[in-house]
Every structure is written in C-alpha cells, then in structure tokens.
C-alpha cells in the first residue's frame, strides 16, 4: 500500500465516522423531539445517578455506581448540541416529579 492509498483509506474512515456521528445526532434529536422520548431520557438520567454522589465504603459498589453515572454523564453530554431541549427536559422532569 502506498501513501496515496493510505491517505484515501484514512479519508474514507473519517467520512464514515462523520456519517455515523451525524446519524447518531439525528437519532438523538428525534428521540428528544417527543415528550415520550424526553420522559424516557429523564428516567435514564435519574436511574444513572448523574445528580447523586457515588461514594460507597465498598469499592465494588462504588465502582458499579460510577459505571452507571459515567453512562448518564455521556447521555447528558449528548445534549451539548441541543441546549433548548435540555432545558425543556429539565422543566418537564421536575414538573413530573412534583406530580408524584
């Protein structure tokens, strides 16, 4: 394989990665566009413990909690491109919590 083949492969890999990222972003936008999707995401964030401490005296329990929290933080990070929807999620989530 020569340099131009390697460059072509790298460019193709970059294009594929970008395409997957754009598709994932569009999928997430479709989910949070509905009230049902936002409720589901709210439950996932709550279950992951993003807004709770994960300390435990048992190191395995703490590692488990940190793993859940890490996934929640990743999910929360997906809202970076959708700040208005995140604010809406927070309002709806808190309002729903008040009803319970």
PDB file of N, CA and C in Angstrom:
ATOM      1  N   UNK A   1       0.857  -1.176   0.000  1.00  0.00           N
ATOM      2  CA  UNK A   1       0.000   0.000   0.000  1.00  0.00           C
ATOM      3  C   UNK A   1       0.896   1.229   0.000  1.00  0.00           C
ATOM      4  N   UNK A   2       0.615   2.130  -0.906  1.00  0.00           N
ATOM      5  CA  UNK A   2       1.425   3.346  -0.954  1.00  0.00           C
ATOM      6  C   UNK A   2       0.745   4.455  -0.154  1.00  0.00           C
ATOM      7  N   UNK A   3       1.388   5.600  -0.127  1.00  0.00           N
ATOM      8  CA  UNK A   3       0.917   6.725   0.690  1.00  0.00           C
ATOM      9  C   UNK A   3      -0.455   7.214   0.245  1.00  0.00           C
ATOM     10  N   UNK A   4      -0.689   7.266  -1.067  1.00  0.00           N
ATOM     11  CA  UNK A   4      -1.988   7.763  -1.537  1.00  0.00           C
ATOM     12  C   UNK A   4      -3.113   6.801  -1.156  1.00  0.00           C
ATOM     13  N   UNK A   5      -2.830   5.492  -1.151  1.00  0.00           N
ATOM     14  CA  UNK A   5      -3.829   4.517  -0.709  1.00  0.00           C
ATOM     15  C   UNK A   5      -4.129   4.701   0.777  1.00  0.00           C
ATOM     16  N   UNK A   6      -3.095   4.924   1.554  1.00  0.00           N
ATOM     17  CA  UNK A   6      -3.275   5.134   2.995  1.00  0.00           C
ATOM     18  C   UNK A   6      -4.063   6.415   3.253  1.00  0.00           C
ATOM     19  N   UNK A   7      -3.754   7.461   2.503  1.00  0.00           N
ATOM     20  CA  UNK A   7      -4.494   8.721   2.643  1.00  0.00           C
ATOM     21  C   UNK A   7      -5.958   8.531   2.267  1.00  0.00           C
ATOM     22  N   UNK A   8      -6.186   7.784   1.196  1.00  0.00           N
ATOM     23  CA  UNK A   8      -7.549   7.520   0.743  1.00  0.00           C
ATOM     24  C   UNK A   8      -8.321   6.711   1.790  1.00  0.00           C
ATOM     25  N   UNK A   9      -7.665   5.708   2.373  1.00  0.00           N
ATOM     26  CA  UNK A   9      -8.297   4.900   3.419  1.00  0.00           C
ATOM     27  C   UNK A   9      -8.610   5.743   4.645  1.00  0.00           C
ATOM     28  N   UNK A  10      -7.696   6.617   5.013  1.00  0.00           N
ATOM     29  CA  UNK A  10      -7.906   7.483   6.177  1.00  0.00           C
ATOM     30  C   UNK A  10      -9.054   8.450   5.916  1.00  0.00           C
ATOM     31  N   UNK A  11      -9.108   8.983   4.713  1.00  0.00           N
ATOM     32  CA  UNK A  11     -10.184   9.917   4.362  1.00  0.00           C
ATOM     33  C   UNK A  11     -11.535   9.194   4.381  1.00  0.00           C
ATOM     34  N   UNK A  12     -11.574   7.982   3.851  1.00  0.00           N
ATOM     35  CA  UNK A  12     -12.803   7.193   3.844  1.00  0.00           C
ATOM     36  C   UNK A  12     -13.240   6.856   5.272  1.00  0.00           C
ATOM     37  N   UNK A  13     -12.285   6.514   6.118  1.00  0.00           N
ATOM     38  CA  UNK A  13     -12.598   6.225   7.519  1.00  0.00           C
ATOM     39  C   UNK A  13     -13.147   7.461   8.219  1.00  0.00           C
ATOM     40  N   UNK A  14     -12.562   8.618   7.940  1.00  0.00           N
ATOM     41  CA  UNK A  14     -13.056   9.873   8.526  1.00  0.00           C
ATOM     42  C   UNK A  14     -14.472  10.187   8.053  1.00  0.00           C
ATOM     43  N   UNK A  15     -14.725   9.975   6.771  1.00  0.00           N
ATOM     44  CA  UNK A  15     -16.065  10.223   6.229  1.00  0.00           C
ATOM     45  C   UNK A  15     -17.091   9.289   6.865  1.00  0.00           C
ATOM     46  N   UNK A  16     -16.722   8.030   7.034  1.00  0.00           N
ATOM     47  CA  UNK A  16     -17.627   7.064   7.666  1.00  0.00           C
ATOM     48  C   UNK A  16     -17.894   7.427   9.120  1.00  0.00           C
ATOM     49  N   UNK A  17     -16.865   7.845   9.832  1.00  0.00           N
ATOM     50  CA  UNK A  17     -17.019   8.248  11.233  1.00  0.00           C
ATOM     51  C   UNK A  17     -17.941   9.452  11.336  1.00  0.00           C
ATOM     52  N   UNK A  18     -17.733  10.427  10.460  1.00  0.00           N
ATOM     53  CA  UNK A  18     -18.573  11.622  10.458  1.00  0.00           C
ATOM     54  C   UNK A  18     -20.024  11.265  10.140  1.00  0.00           C
ATOM     55  N   UNK A  19     -20.219  10.381   9.181  1.00  0.00           N
ATOM     56  CA  UNK A  19     -21.568   9.951   8.817  1.00  0.00           C
ATOM     57  C   UNK A  19     -22.254   9.272  10.008  1.00  0.00           C
ATOM     58  N   UNK A  20     -21.538   8.416  10.721  1.00  0.00           N
ATOM     59  CA  UNK A  20     -22.108   7.743  11.901  1.00  0.00           C
ATOM     60  C   UNK A  20     -22.440   8.747  12.997  1.00  0.00           C
ATOM     61  N   UNK A  21     -21.565   9.728  13.203  1.00  0.00           N
ATOM     62  CA  UNK A  21     -21.816  10.755  14.223  1.00  0.00           C
ATOM     63  C   UNK A  21     -23.048  11.585  13.881  1.00  0.00           C
ATOM     64  N   UNK A  22     -23.185  11.961  12.619  1.00  0.00           N
ATOM     65  CA  UNK A  22     -24.349  12.747  12.196  1.00  0.00           C
ATOM     66  C   UNK A  22     -25.638  11.939  12.336  1.00  0.00           C
ATOM     67  N   UNK A  23     -25.575  10.662  12.007  1.00  0.00           N
ATOM     68  CA  UNK A  23     -26.743   9.798  12.146  1.00  0.00           C
ATOM     69  C   UNK A  23     -27.124   9.639  13.617  1.00  0.00           C
ATOM     70  N   UNK A  24     -26.138   9.441  14.477  1.00  0.00           N
ATOM     71  CA  UNK A  24     -26.402   9.311  15.912  1.00  0.00           C
ATOM     72  C   UNK A  24     -27.012  10.595  16.461  1.00  0.00           C
ATOM     73  N   UNK A  25     -26.511  11.729  16.016  1.00  0.00           N
ATOM     74  CA  UNK A  25     -27.041  13.022  16.462  1.00  0.00           C
ATOM     75  C   UNK A  25     -28.487  13.193  15.995  1.00  0.00           C
ATOM     76  N   UNK A  26     -28.769  12.812  14.756  1.00  0.00           N
ATOM     77  CA  UNK A  26     -30.133  12.905  14.225  1.00  0.00           C
ATOM     78  C   UNK A  26     -31.069  11.959  14.976  1.00  0.00           C
ATOM     79  N   UNK A  27     -30.590  10.767  15.305  1.00  0.00           N
ATOM     80  CA  UNK A  27     -31.396   9.816  16.073  1.00  0.00           C
ATOM     81  C   UNK A  27     -31.744  10.388  17.440  1.00  0.00           C
ATOM     82  N   UNK A  28     -30.756  10.956  18.113  1.00  0.00           N
ATOM     83  CA  UNK A  28     -30.987  11.527  19.440  1.00  0.00           C
ATOM     84  C   UNK A  28     -31.956  12.697  19.352  1.00  0.00           C
ATOM     85  N   UNK A  29     -31.797  13.525  18.337  1.00  0.00           N
ATOM     86  CA  UNK A  29     -32.700  14.664  18.156  1.00  0.00           C
ATOM     87  C   UNK A  29     -34.134  14.181  17.966  1.00  0.00           C
ATOM     88  N   UNK A  30     -34.317  13.085  17.230  1.00  0.00           N
ATOM     89  CA  UNK A  30     -35.658  12.533  17.022  1.00  0.00           C
ATOM     90  C   UNK A  30     -36.252  12.029  18.334  1.00  0.00           C
ATOM     91  N   UNK A  31     -35.434  11.423  19.170  1.00  0.00           N
ATOM     92  CA  UNK A  31     -35.918  10.911  20.458  1.00  0.00           C
ATOM     93  C   UNK A  31     -36.360  12.059  21.354  1.00  0.00           C
ATOM     94  N   UNK A  32     -35.536  13.089  21.465  1.00  0.00           N
ATOM     95  CA  UNK A  32     -35.859  14.181  22.395  1.00  0.00           C
ATOM     96  C   UNK A  32     -36.862  15.170  21.813  1.00  0.00           C
ATOM     97  N   UNK A  33     -37.273  14.949  20.569  1.00  0.00           N
ATOM     98  CA  UNK A  33     -38.285  15.815  19.962  1.00  0.00           C
ATOM     99  C   UNK A  33     -39.681  15.491  20.479  1.00  0.00           C
ATOM    100  N   UNK A  34     -39.840  14.327  21.104  1.00  0.00           N
ATOM    101  CA  UNK A  34     -41.158  13.932  21.610  1.00  0.00           C
ATOM    102  C   UNK A  34     -41.166  13.963  23.132  1.00  0.00           C
ATOM    103  N   UNK A  35     -42.330  14.210  23.691  1.00  0.00           N
ATOM    104  CA  UNK A  35     -42.470  14.204  25.152  1.00  0.00           C
ATOM    105  C   UNK A  35     -42.140  12.819  25.707  1.00  0.00           C
ATOM    106  N   UNK A  36     -42.550  11.780  24.993  1.00  0.00           N
ATOM    107  CA  UNK A  36     -42.267  10.406  25.440  1.00  0.00           C
ATOM    108  C   UNK A  36     -40.762  10.148  25.470  1.00  0.00           C
ATOM    109  N   UNK A  37     -40.073  10.595  24.451  1.00  0.00           N
ATOM    110  CA  UNK A  37     -38.624  10.415  24.395  1.00  0.00           C
ATOM    111  C   UNK A  37     -37.916  11.160  25.509  1.00  0.00           C
ATOM    112  N   UNK A  38     -38.364  12.391  25.772  1.00  0.00           N
ATOM    113  CA  UNK A  38     -37.750  13.170  26.854  1.00  0.00           C
ATOM    114  C   UNK A  38     -38.018  12.528  28.209  1.00  0.00           C
ATOM    115  N   UNK A  39     -39.222  11.988  28.416  1.00  0.00           N
ATOM    116  CA  UNK A  39     -39.506  11.297  29.684  1.00  0.00           C
ATOM    117  C   UNK A  39     -38.594  10.091  29.854  1.00  0.00           C
ATOM    118  N   UNK A  40     -38.388   9.349  28.764  1.00  0.00           N
ATOM    119  CA  UNK A  40     -37.527   8.175  28.827  1.00  0.00           C
ATOM    120  C   UNK A  40     -36.088   8.572  29.154  1.00  0.00           C
ATOM    121  N   UNK A  41     -35.601   9.606  28.490  1.00  0.00           N
ATOM    122  CA  UNK A  41     -34.238  10.086  28.755  1.00  0.00           C
ATOM    123  C   UNK A  41     -34.131  10.585  30.192  1.00  0.00           C
ATOM    124  N   UNK A  42     -35.159  11.271  30.681  1.00  0.00           N
ATOM    125  CA  UNK A  42     -35.165  11.751  32.071  1.00  0.00           C
ATOM    126  C   UNK A  42     -35.022  10.574  33.037  1.00  0.00           C
ATOM    127  N   UNK A  43     -35.779   9.499  32.769  1.00  0.00           N
ATOM    128  CA  UNK A  43     -35.689   8.311  33.636  1.00  0.00           C
ATOM    129  C   UNK A  43     -34.296   7.690  33.576  1.00  0.00           C
ATOM    130  N   UNK A  44     -33.730   7.635  32.386  1.00  0.00           N
ATOM    131  CA  UNK A  44     -32.373   7.090  32.262  1.00  0.00           C
ATOM    132  C   UNK A  44     -31.375   7.922  33.063  1.00  0.00           C
ATOM    133  N   UNK A  45     -31.485   9.239  32.963  1.00  0.00           N
ATOM    134  CA  UNK A  45     -30.580  10.113  33.713  1.00  0.00           C
ATOM    135  C   UNK A  45     -30.769   9.920  35.216  1.00  0.00           C
ATOM    136  N   UNK A  46     -32.022   9.815  35.648  1.00  0.00           N
ATOM    137  CA  UNK A  46     -32.292   9.620  37.076  1.00  0.00           C
ATOM    138  C   UNK A  46     -31.741   8.276  37.552  1.00  0.00           C
ATOM    139  N   UNK A  47     -31.976   7.224  36.786  1.00  0.00           N
ATOM    140  CA  UNK A  47     -31.504   5.886  37.169  1.00  0.00           C
ATOM    141  C   UNK A  47     -29.981   5.791  37.172  1.00  0.00           C
ATOM    142  N   UNK A  48     -29.349   6.591  36.337  1.00  0.00           N
ATOM    143  CA  UNK A  48     -27.885   6.526  36.256  1.00  0.00           C
ATOM    144  C   UNK A  48     -27.219   7.213  37.445  1.00  0.00           C
ATOM    145  N   UNK A  49     -27.976   8.038  38.149  1.00  0.00           N
ATOM    146  CA  UNK A  49     -27.423   8.705  39.326  1.00  0.00           C
ATOM    147  C   UNK A  49     -26.534   9.889  39.005  1.00  0.00           C
ATOM    148  N   UNK A  50     -26.793  10.554  37.877  1.00  0.00           N
ATOM    149  CA  UNK A  50     -25.944  11.684  37.484  1.00  0.00           C
ATOM    150  C   UNK A  50     -25.936  12.796  38.514  1.00  0.00           C
ATOM    151  N   UNK A  51     -27.036  12.978  39.192  1.00  0.00           N
ATOM    152  CA  UNK A  51     -27.135  14.075  40.149  1.00  0.00           C
ATOM    153  C   UNK A  51     -26.965  13.596  41.583  1.00  0.00           C
ATOM    154  N   UNK A  52     -26.332  12.454  41.757  1.00  0.00           N
ATOM    155  CA  UNK A  52     -26.098  11.902  43.089  1.00  0.00           C
ATOM    156  C   UNK A  52     -24.618  11.584  43.228  1.00  0.00           C
ATOM    157  N   UNK A  53     -24.188  11.528  44.457  1.00  0.00           N
ATOM    158  CA  UNK A  53     -22.825  11.080  44.703  1.00  0.00           C
ATOM    159  C   UNK A  53     -22.748   9.575  44.526  1.00  0.00           C
ATOM    160  N   UNK A  54     -21.590   9.072  44.218  1.00  0.00           N
ATOM    161  CA  UNK A  54     -21.455   7.631  44.012  1.00  0.00           C
ATOM    162  C   UNK A  54     -20.581   6.981  45.078  1.00  0.00           C
ATOM    163  N   UNK A  55     -20.191   7.757  46.097  1.00  0.00           N
ATOM    164  CA  UNK A  55     -19.316   7.203  47.125  1.00  0.00           C
ATOM    165  C   UNK A  55     -20.007   6.067  47.867  1.00  0.00           C
ATOM    166  N   UNK A  56     -19.240   5.035  48.130  1.00  0.00           N
ATOM    167  CA  UNK A  56     -19.680   3.924  48.982  1.00  0.00           C
ATOM    168  C   UNK A  56     -18.433   3.367  49.646  1.00  0.00           C
ATOM    169  N   UNK A  57     -18.586   2.871  50.857  1.00  0.00           N
ATOM    170  CA  UNK A  57     -17.419   2.313  51.544  1.00  0.00           C
ATOM    171  C   UNK A  57     -16.959   1.022  50.876  1.00  0.00           C
ATOM    172  N   UNK A  58     -17.853   0.326  50.229  1.00  0.00           N
ATOM    173  CA  UNK A  58     -17.499  -0.884  49.479  1.00  0.00           C
ATOM    174  C   UNK A  58     -17.031  -0.458  48.089  1.00  0.00           C
ATOM    175  N   UNK A  59     -15.802  -0.783  47.764  1.00  0.00           N
ATOM    176  CA  UNK A  59     -15.230  -0.319  46.491  1.00  0.00           C
ATOM    177  C   UNK A  59     -15.948  -0.888  45.272  1.00  0.00           C
ATOM    178  N   UNK A  60     -16.494  -2.099  45.376  1.00  0.00           N
ATOM    179  CA  UNK A  60     -17.215  -2.666  44.238  1.00  0.00           C
ATOM    180  C   UNK A  60     -18.549  -1.946  44.011  1.00  0.00           C
ATOM    181  N   UNK A  61     -19.215  -1.599  45.089  1.00  0.00           N
ATOM    182  CA  UNK A  61     -20.462  -0.839  44.977  1.00  0.00           C
ATOM    183  C   UNK A  61     -20.166   0.520  44.359  1.00  0.00           C
ATOM    184  N   UNK A  62     -19.099   1.149  44.824  1.00  0.00           N
ATOM    185  CA  UNK A  62     -18.745   2.461  44.290  1.00  0.00           C
ATOM    186  C   UNK A  62     -18.371   2.361  42.807  1.00  0.00           C
ATOM    187  N   UNK A  63     -17.651   1.327  42.420  1.00  0.00           N
ATOM    188  CA  UNK A  63     -17.291   1.148  41.011  1.00  0.00           C
ATOM    189  C   UNK A  63     -18.548   0.944  40.163  1.00  0.00           C
ATOM    190  N   UNK A  64     -19.492   0.177  40.684  1.00  0.00           N
ATOM    191  CA  UNK A  64     -20.757  -0.038  39.978  1.00  0.00           C
ATOM    192  C   UNK A  64     -21.500   1.283  39.796  1.00  0.00           C
ATOM    193  N   UNK A  65     -21.607   2.050  40.859  1.00  0.00           N
ATOM    194  CA  UNK A  65     -22.301   3.342  40.787  1.00  0.00           C
ATOM    195  C   UNK A  65     -21.601   4.290  39.822  1.00  0.00           C
ATOM    196  N   UNK A  66     -20.284   4.286  39.836  1.00  0.00           N
ATOM    197  CA  UNK A  66     -19.531   5.162  38.926  1.00  0.00           C
ATOM    198  C   UNK A  66     -19.738   4.756  37.471  1.00  0.00           C
ATOM    199  N   UNK A  67     -19.849   3.457  37.225  1.00  0.00           N
ATOM    200  CA  UNK A  67     -20.128   2.990  35.866  1.00  0.00           C
ATOM    201  C   UNK A  67     -21.478   3.475  35.375  1.00  0.00           C
ATOM    202  N   UNK A  68     -22.494   3.361  36.231  1.00  0.00           N
ATOM    203  CA  UNK A  68     -23.828   3.856  35.874  1.00  0.00           C
ATOM    204  C   UNK A  68     -23.786   5.361  35.646  1.00  0.00           C
ATOM    205  N   UNK A  69     -23.114   6.046  36.543  1.00  0.00           N
ATOM    206  CA  UNK A  69     -23.035   7.507  36.456  1.00  0.00           C
ATOM    207  C   UNK A  69     -22.298   7.942  35.188  1.00  0.00           C
ATOM    208  N   UNK A  70     -21.262   7.210  34.832  1.00  0.00           N
ATOM    209  CA  UNK A  70     -20.496   7.520  33.626  1.00  0.00           C
ATOM    210  C   UNK A  70     -21.387   7.460  32.385  1.00  0.00           C
ATOM    211  N   UNK A  71     -22.231   6.452  32.312  1.00  0.00           N
ATOM    212  CA  UNK A  71     -23.147   6.349  31.183  1.00  0.00           C
ATOM    213  C   UNK A  71     -24.136   7.511  31.189  1.00  0.00           C
ATOM    214  N   UNK A  72     -24.621   7.883  32.366  1.00  0.00           N
ATOM    215  CA  UNK A  72     -25.531   9.021  32.477  1.00  0.00           C
ATOM    216  C   UNK A  72     -24.879  10.322  32.051  1.00  0.00           C
ATOM    217  N   UNK A  73     -23.622  10.499  32.422  1.00  0.00           N
ATOM    218  CA  UNK A  73     -22.903  11.713  32.017  1.00  0.00           C
ATOM    219  C   UNK A  73     -22.709  11.754  30.502  1.00  0.00           C
ATOM    220  N   UNK A  74     -22.454  10.582  29.920  1.00  0.00           N
ATOM    221  CA  UNK A  74     -22.342  10.510  28.463  1.00  0.00           C
ATOM    222  C   UNK A  74     -23.665  10.925  27.821  1.00  0.00           C
ATOM    223  N   UNK A  75     -24.774  10.380  28.348  1.00  0.00           N
ATOM    224  CA  UNK A  75     -26.094  10.714  27.819  1.00  0.00           C
ATOM    225  C   UNK A  75     -26.378  12.206  27.977  1.00  0.00           C
ATOM    226  N   UNK A  76     -26.047  12.743  29.122  1.00  0.00           N
ATOM    227  CA  UNK A  76     -26.242  14.169  29.370  1.00  0.00           C
ATOM    228  C   UNK A  76     -25.403  15.000  28.394  1.00  0.00           C
ATOM    229  N   UNK A  77     -24.221  14.530  28.079  1.00  0.00           N
ATOM    230  CA  UNK A  77     -23.341  15.231  27.147  1.00  0.00           C
ATOM    231  C   UNK A  77     -23.892  15.308  25.732  1.00  0.00           C
ATOM    232  N   UNK A  78     -24.785  14.376  25.379  1.00  0.00           N
ATOM    233  CA  UNK A  78     -25.391  14.416  24.048  1.00  0.00           C
ATOM    234  C   UNK A  78     -26.234  15.666  23.850  1.00  0.00           C
ATOM    235  N   UNK A  79     -26.648  16.289  24.952  1.00  0.00           N
ATOM    236  CA  UNK A  79     -27.462  17.497  24.869  1.00  0.00           C
ATOM    237  C   UNK A  79     -26.639  18.739  24.531  1.00  0.00           C
ATOM    238  N   UNK A  80     -25.336  18.623  24.400  1.00  0.00           N
ATOM    239  CA  UNK A  80     -24.489  19.793  24.111  1.00  0.00           C
ATOM    240  C   UNK A  80     -24.950  20.525  22.853  1.00  0.00           C
ATOM    241  N   UNK A  81     -25.432  19.784  21.878  1.00  0.00           N
ATOM    242  CA  UNK A  81     -25.903  20.399  20.631  1.00  0.00           C
ATOM    243  C   UNK A  81     -27.377  20.788  20.684  1.00  0.00           C
ATOM    244  N   UNK A  82     -28.044  20.466  21.806  1.00  0.00           N
ATOM    245  CA  UNK A  82     -29.482  20.717  21.920  1.00  0.00           C
ATOM    246  C   UNK A  82     -29.817  21.358  23.266  1.00  0.00           C
ATOM    247  N   UNK A  83     -29.264  22.538  23.549  1.00  0.00           N
ATOM    248  CA  UNK A  83     -29.470  23.147  24.873  1.00  0.00           C
ATOM    249  C   UNK A  83     -30.934  23.478  25.176  1.00  0.00           C
ATOM    250  N   UNK A  84     -31.692  23.881  24.171  1.00  0.00           N
ATOM    251  CA  UNK A  84     -33.101  24.209  24.410  1.00  0.00           C
ATOM    252  C   UNK A  84     -33.897  22.969  24.817  1.00  0.00           C
ATOM    253  N   UNK A  85     -33.614  21.848  24.162  1.00  0.00           N
ATOM    254  CA  UNK A  85     -34.304  20.609  24.506  1.00  0.00           C
ATOM    255  C   UNK A  85     -33.900  20.130  25.897  1.00  0.00           C
ATOM    256  N   UNK A  86     -32.644  20.406  26.284  1.00  0.00           N
ATOM    257  CA  UNK A  86     -32.209  20.010  27.625  1.00  0.00           C
ATOM    258  C   UNK A  86     -32.961  20.816  28.684  1.00  0.00           C
ATOM    259  N   UNK A  87     -33.111  22.110  28.452  1.00  0.00           N
ATOM    260  CA  UNK A  87     -33.874  22.934  29.393  1.00  0.00           C
ATOM    261  C   UNK A  87     -35.321  22.467  29.465  1.00  0.00           C
ATOM    262  N   UNK A  88     -35.876  22.102  28.325  1.00  0.00           N
ATOM    263  CA  UNK A  88     -37.245  21.590  28.307  1.00  0.00           C
ATOM    264  C   UNK A  88     -37.330  20.277  29.085  1.00  0.00           C
ATOM    265  N   UNK A  89     -36.354  19.409  28.906  1.00  0.00           N
ATOM    266  CA  UNK A  89     -36.303  18.143  29.642  1.00  0.00           C
ATOM    267  C   UNK A  89     -36.269  18.397  31.143  1.00  0.00           C
ATOM    268  N   UNK A  90     -35.452  19.354  31.569  1.00  0.00           N
ATOM    269  CA  UNK A  90     -35.360  19.667  32.997  1.00  0.00           C
ATOM    270  C   UNK A  90     -36.687  20.182  33.535  1.00  0.00           C
ATOM    271  N   UNK A  91     -37.322  21.078  32.789  1.00  0.00           N
ATOM    272  CA  UNK A  91     -38.615  21.622  33.236  1.00  0.00           C
ATOM    273  C   UNK A  91     -39.661  20.520  33.335  1.00  0.00           C
ATOM    274  N   UNK A  92     -39.754  19.712  32.298  1.00  0.00           N
ATOM    275  CA  UNK A  92     -40.752  18.642  32.287  1.00  0.00           C
ATOM    276  C   UNK A  92     -40.447  17.593  33.345  1.00  0.00           C
ATOM    277  N   UNK A  93     -39.184  17.276  33.517  1.00  0.00           N
ATOM    278  CA  UNK A  93     -38.804  16.273  34.508  1.00  0.00           C
ATOM    279  C   UNK A  93     -39.111  16.728  35.914  1.00  0.00           C
ATOM    280  N   UNK A  94     -38.794  17.950  36.218  1.00  0.00           N
ATOM    281  CA  UNK A  94     -39.078  18.480  37.556  1.00  0.00           C
ATOM    282  C   UNK A  94     -40.573  18.616  37.776  1.00  0.00           C
ATOM    283  N   UNK A  95     -41.277  19.038  36.749  1.00  0.00           N
ATOM    284  CA  UNK A  95     -42.733  19.170  36.850  1.00  0.00           C
ATOM    285  C   UNK A  95     -43.358  17.793  37.085  1.00  0.00           C
ATOM    286  N   UNK A  96     -42.868  16.789  36.374  1.00  0.00           N
ATOM    287  CA  UNK A  96     -43.363  15.427  36.556  1.00  0.00           C
ATOM    288  C   UNK A  96     -43.053  14.888  37.935  1.00  0.00           C
ATOM    289  N   UNK A  97     -41.884  15.241  38.465  1.00  0.00           N
ATOM    290  CA  UNK A  97     -41.503  14.795  39.808  1.00  0.00           C
ATOM    291  C   UNK A  97     -42.394  15.442  40.858  1.00  0.00           C
ATOM    292  N   UNK A  98     -42.834  16.677  40.609  1.00  0.00           N
ATOM    293  CA  UNK A  98     -43.728  17.361  41.544  1.00  0.00           C
ATOM    294  C   UNK A  98     -45.089  16.684  41.608  1.00  0.00           C
ATOM    295  N   UNK A  99     -45.516  16.069  40.495  1.00  0.00           N
ATOM    296  CA  UNK A  99     -46.822  15.416  40.447  1.00  0.00           C
ATOM    297  C   UNK A  99     -46.838  14.113  41.242  1.00  0.00           C
ATOM    298  N   UNK A 100     -45.679  13.485  41.398  1.00  0.00           N
ATOM    299  CA  UNK A 100     -45.631  12.167  42.039  1.00  0.00           C
ATOM    300  C   UNK A 100     -45.699  12.245  43.524  1.00  0.00           C
TER     301      UNK A 100
END
